[in-house]
């Protein structure tokens, strides 16, 4: 799935629904006896934040990759290489590529 196929951001949560920028319902958040109200609400807010989180990850990835590209071999550089891999995997998952 490419990002161009995703519903237009920003998304927001309202009454067990996630709405896109046009106000159209794009996701219904399940609510049943097994899922407490607070959990359903938290899930809805997390889903609604997905486009913003994806954009934030891209910004962080650019910085982490700049650190990972250094050649001093420090712990910071080695950790940045690990972090960049984790961030790229999360971004790929958001696109349905994992």
Protein backbone atom coordinates (compact mmCIF):
# COMPACT_ATOMS: atom_id res chain seq x y z
CA UNK A 1 0.00 0.00 0.00
CA UNK A 2 1.44 3.37 -0.90
CA UNK A 3 0.88 6.46 1.17
CA UNK A 4 -1.07 7.99 -1.72
CA UNK A 5 -3.72 5.33 -1.14
CA UNK A 6 -4.16 6.31 2.50
CA UNK A 7 -7.02 8.55 3.57
CA UNK A 8 -6.17 12.22 3.75
CA UNK A 9 -4.75 13.40 7.06
CA UNK A 10 -5.24 14.73 9.62
CA UNK A 11 -7.34 12.04 11.19
CA UNK A 12 -9.34 12.47 14.37
CA UNK A 13 -11.21 10.23 16.76
CA UNK A 14 -14.87 10.80 17.58
CA UNK A 15 -17.36 8.40 19.17
CA UNK A 16 -15.69 5.09 18.23
CA UNK A 17 -14.92 6.31 14.72
CA UNK A 18 -11.74 7.58 13.10
CA UNK A 19 -12.47 10.36 10.64
CA UNK A 20 -10.27 11.61 7.81
CA UNK A 21 -9.64 15.25 6.89
CA UNK A 22 -12.99 15.45 5.08
CA UNK A 23 -14.86 14.11 8.12
CA UNK A 24 -15.59 10.76 6.50
CA UNK A 25 -15.52 7.70 8.74
CA UNK A 26 -12.56 5.57 7.73
CA UNK A 27 -12.35 3.19 10.69
CA UNK A 28 -14.85 1.95 13.25
CA UNK A 29 -13.29 1.15 16.61
CA UNK A 30 -14.67 -2.06 18.10
CA UNK A 31 -16.44 -1.83 21.40
CA UNK A 32 -17.73 -4.90 23.11
CA UNK A 33 -17.97 -6.41 26.57
CA UNK A 34 -14.41 -7.76 26.34
CA UNK A 35 -12.90 -4.34 25.57
CA UNK A 36 -13.30 -1.71 28.28
CA UNK A 37 -14.45 1.74 27.21
CA UNK A 38 -11.11 3.30 28.16
CA UNK A 39 -9.21 0.78 26.02
CA UNK A 40 -11.46 1.37 23.00
CA UNK A 41 -10.98 5.13 23.40
CA UNK A 42 -7.19 4.76 23.70
CA UNK A 43 -7.12 2.54 20.59
CA UNK A 44 -9.15 5.10 18.65
CA UNK A 45 -6.83 7.95 19.58
CA UNK A 46 -3.77 5.86 18.68
CA UNK A 47 -5.19 4.99 15.26
CA UNK A 48 -6.16 8.61 14.63
CA UNK A 49 -2.58 9.66 15.40
CA UNK A 50 -1.11 7.22 12.84
CA UNK A 51 -0.52 9.73 10.00
CA UNK A 52 1.14 12.18 12.40
CA UNK A 53 3.27 9.43 13.90
CA UNK A 54 4.35 8.31 10.43
CA UNK A 55 5.45 11.83 9.50
CA UNK A 56 7.30 12.18 12.81
CA UNK A 57 9.10 8.88 12.18
CA UNK A 58 10.29 10.17 8.80
CA UNK A 59 11.76 13.27 10.45
CA UNK A 60 13.45 11.19 13.14
CA UNK A 61 14.75 8.75 10.53
CA UNK A 62 16.47 11.54 8.62
CA UNK A 63 18.30 12.61 11.77
CA UNK A 64 19.16 9.07 12.87
CA UNK A 65 20.48 8.23 9.40
CA UNK A 66 22.69 11.33 9.52
CA UNK A 67 24.17 10.12 12.80
CA UNK A 68 24.47 6.54 11.50
CA UNK A 69 26.42 7.83 8.50
CA UNK A 70 29.26 9.13 10.63
CA UNK A 71 32.49 7.20 10.51
CA UNK A 72 33.82 7.57 14.04
CA UNK A 73 32.55 4.15 15.15
CA UNK A 74 31.21 5.50 18.43
CA UNK A 75 28.43 3.82 20.41
CA UNK A 76 26.12 6.61 19.29
CA UNK A 77 26.76 5.72 15.64
CA UNK A 78 26.30 2.00 16.25
CA UNK A 79 23.04 2.64 18.13
CA UNK A 80 21.83 4.96 15.37
CA UNK A 81 22.32 2.17 12.81
CA UNK A 82 20.17 -0.15 14.93
CA UNK A 83 17.55 2.58 15.48
CA UNK A 84 17.41 3.42 11.76
CA UNK A 85 16.67 -0.22 10.95
CA UNK A 86 13.84 -0.28 13.51
CA UNK A 87 12.37 2.98 12.21
CA UNK A 88 12.54 1.85 8.57
CA UNK A 89 10.73 -1.38 9.55
CA UNK A 90 7.95 0.58 11.23
CA UNK A 91 7.54 2.83 8.18
CA UNK A 92 7.46 -0.23 5.89
CA UNK A 93 4.79 -1.81 8.10
CA UNK A 94 2.65 1.33 7.76
CA UNK A 95 2.78 0.84 3.99
CA UNK A 96 1.92 -2.86 4.15
CA UNK A 97 5.43 -3.85 3.10
CA UNK A 98 6.26 -6.12 6.02
